[in-house]
Amino acid sequence: MKGYLRSIIRQKIVDGQDTPVPDFTLRDITLPRIPRKVFAVVGMRHSGKTAFLWQILADYLKDGADRNSVLYLFLFIAAYSGSSL
């Protein structure tokens, strides 16, 4: 199971680096930029969290960040949705 999970996470990272930045609605909100820190955005469903995260990623790229150093990683956890793997 450990190797299987590792391969899934590895593929998610590769997919995340290959995914182009989609079109999104700009949000009038910012987060402080703290080097080498991870942040999470939480909130109600359909409130714009994903668009906001893409906006942050696009801002980093616009400021000259290498695409391979910025990752959007979507982890859907079945336990939270009530479904099974």
C-alpha atoms as a PDB file:
ATOM      1  CA  MET A   1       0.000   0.000   0.000  1.00  0.00           C
ATOM      2  CA  LYS A   2       2.847   2.391   0.829  1.00  0.00           C
ATOM      3  CA  GLY A   3       4.381   2.076  -2.650  1.00  0.00           C
ATOM      4  CA  TYR A   4       0.970   2.456  -4.285  1.00  0.00           C
ATOM      5  CA  LEU A   5       0.229   5.652  -2.358  1.00  0.00           C
ATOM      6  CA  ARG A   6       3.686   7.006  -3.146  1.00  0.00           C
ATOM      7  CA  SER A   7       3.146   6.414  -6.868  1.00  0.00           C
ATOM      8  CA  ILE A   8      -0.238   8.187  -6.748  1.00  0.00           C
ATOM      9  CA  ILE A   9       1.252  11.218  -4.992  1.00  0.00           C
ATOM     10  CA  ARG A  10       4.190  11.281  -7.420  1.00  0.00           C
ATOM     11  CA  GLN A  11       1.774  11.257 -10.375  1.00  0.00           C
ATOM     12  CA  LYS A  12      -0.333  14.027  -8.767  1.00  0.00           C
ATOM     13  CA  ILE A  13       2.811  16.183  -8.476  1.00  0.00           C
ATOM     14  CA  VAL A  14       3.765  15.568 -12.122  1.00  0.00           C
ATOM     15  CA  ASP A  15       0.196  16.342 -13.220  1.00  0.00           C
ATOM     16  CA  GLY A  16       0.144  19.490 -11.094  1.00  0.00           C
ATOM     17  CA  GLN A  17       3.330  20.800 -12.667  1.00  0.00           C
ATOM     18  CA  ASP A  18       2.042  20.099 -16.180  1.00  0.00           C
ATOM     19  CA  THR A  19      -1.364  21.713 -15.650  1.00  0.00           C
ATOM     20  CA  PRO A  20      -1.603  25.139 -17.282  1.00  0.00           C
ATOM     21  CA  VAL A  21      -3.040  28.012 -15.269  1.00  0.00           C
ATOM     22  CA  PRO A  22      -6.756  28.168 -16.129  1.00  0.00           C
ATOM     23  CA  ASP A  23      -8.851  31.286 -16.656  1.00  0.00           C
ATOM     24  CA  PHE A  24     -10.330  32.447 -13.362  1.00  0.00           C
ATOM     25  CA  THR A  25     -12.126  35.350 -11.735  1.00  0.00           C
ATOM     26  CA  LEU A  26      -9.704  37.632  -9.907  1.00  0.00           C
ATOM     27  CA  ARG A  27     -10.282  37.856  -6.153  1.00  0.00           C
ATOM     28  CA  ASP A  28      -9.608  41.069  -4.259  1.00  0.00           C
ATOM     29  CA  ILE A  29      -7.649  39.346  -1.502  1.00  0.00           C
ATOM     30  CA  THR A  30      -4.010  38.486  -0.862  1.00  0.00           C
ATOM     31  CA  LEU A  31      -1.973  36.281   1.416  1.00  0.00           C
ATOM     32  CA  PRO A  32       1.385  37.249   2.917  1.00  0.00           C
ATOM     33  CA  ARG A  33       4.307  35.786   0.979  1.00  0.00           C
ATOM     34  CA  ILE A  34       6.428  33.756   3.339  1.00  0.00           C
ATOM     35  CA  PRO A  35       9.316  31.977   1.583  1.00  0.00           C
ATOM     36  CA  ARG A  36       9.386  28.173   1.769  1.00  0.00           C
ATOM     37  CA  LYS A  37       6.017  27.945   3.542  1.00  0.00           C
ATOM     38  CA  VAL A  38       2.906  26.051   2.568  1.00  0.00           C
ATOM     39  CA  PHE A  39      -0.529  27.521   3.065  1.00  0.00           C
ATOM     40  CA  ALA A  40      -4.056  26.191   2.806  1.00  0.00           C
ATOM     41  CA  VAL A  41      -7.268  27.972   1.969  1.00  0.00           C
ATOM     42  CA  VAL A  42     -10.400  26.615   3.606  1.00  0.00           C
ATOM     43  CA  GLY A  43     -14.020  27.605   3.229  1.00  0.00           C
ATOM     44  CA  MET A  44     -17.456  26.653   2.049  1.00  0.00           C
ATOM     45  CA  ARG A  45     -18.006  24.762  -1.205  1.00  0.00           C
ATOM     46  CA  HIS A  46     -18.083  26.897  -4.355  1.00  0.00           C
ATOM     47  CA  SER A  47     -16.764  29.993  -2.588  1.00  0.00           C
ATOM     48  CA  GLY A  48     -13.786  30.506  -4.948  1.00  0.00           C
ATOM     49  CA  LYS A  49     -10.976  28.748  -3.064  1.00  0.00           C
ATOM     50  CA  THR A  50      -9.603  26.984  -6.134  1.00  0.00           C
ATOM     51  CA  ALA A  51      -9.729  30.133  -8.269  1.00  0.00           C
ATOM     52  CA  PHE A  52      -7.966  32.021  -5.484  1.00  0.00           C
ATOM     53  CA  LEU A  53      -5.196  29.422  -5.293  1.00  0.00           C
ATOM     54  CA  TRP A  54      -4.727  29.580  -9.072  1.00  0.00           C
ATOM     55  CA  GLN A  55      -4.573  33.370  -8.780  1.00  0.00           C
ATOM     56  CA  ILE A  56      -1.767  33.097  -6.228  1.00  0.00           C
ATOM     57  CA  LEU A  57       0.106  30.621  -8.435  1.00  0.00           C
ATOM     58  CA  ALA A  58      -0.304  32.936 -11.457  1.00  0.00           C
ATOM     59  CA  ASP A  59       1.020  35.867  -9.418  1.00  0.00           C
ATOM     60  CA  TYR A  60       4.135  33.894  -8.463  1.00  0.00           C
ATOM     61  CA  LEU A  61       4.716  32.986 -12.116  1.00  0.00           C
ATOM     62  CA  LYS A  62       4.166  36.601 -13.213  1.00  0.00           C
ATOM     63  CA  ASP A  63       6.806  37.664 -10.675  1.00  0.00           C
ATOM     64  CA  GLY A  64       9.331  35.290 -12.264  1.00  0.00           C
ATOM     65  CA  ALA A  65       8.966  32.051 -10.303  1.00  0.00           C
ATOM     66  CA  ASP A  66       9.927  28.867 -12.133  1.00  0.00           C
ATOM     67  CA  ARG A  67       6.816  26.770 -12.939  1.00  0.00           C
ATOM     68  CA  ASN A  68       8.460  23.700 -11.379  1.00  0.00           C
ATOM     69  CA  SER A  69       8.924  25.517  -8.070  1.00  0.00           C
ATOM     70  CA  VAL A  70       5.217  26.342  -7.658  1.00  0.00           C
ATOM     71  CA  LEU A  71       2.729  23.499  -7.357  1.00  0.00           C
ATOM     72  CA  TYR A  72      -1.038  23.333  -7.148  1.00  0.00           C
ATOM     73  CA  LEU A  73      -1.765  19.925  -5.645  1.00  0.00           C
ATOM     74  CA  PHE A  74      -5.386  18.816  -5.398  1.00  0.00           C
ATOM     75  CA  LEU A  75      -5.895  15.970  -2.950  1.00  0.00           C
ATOM     76  CA  PHE A  76      -9.438  14.691  -2.857  1.00  0.00           C
ATOM     77  CA  ILE A  77      -9.846  12.512   0.197  1.00  0.00           C
ATOM     78  CA  ALA A  78     -12.663  10.026  -0.239  1.00  0.00           C
ATOM     79  CA  ALA A  79     -13.253   9.766   3.510  1.00  0.00           C
ATOM     80  CA  TYR A  80     -14.432  13.377   3.547  1.00  0.00           C
ATOM     81  CA  SER A  81     -16.892  12.853   0.718  1.00  0.00           C
ATOM     82  CA  GLY A  82     -18.569   9.748   2.071  1.00  0.00           C
ATOM     83  CA  SER A  83     -17.438   7.653  -0.889  1.00  0.00           C
ATOM     84  CA  SER A  84     -14.998   4.765  -0.914  1.00  0.00           C
ATOM     85  CA  LEU A  85     -11.753   4.312  -2.802  1.00  0.00           C
END
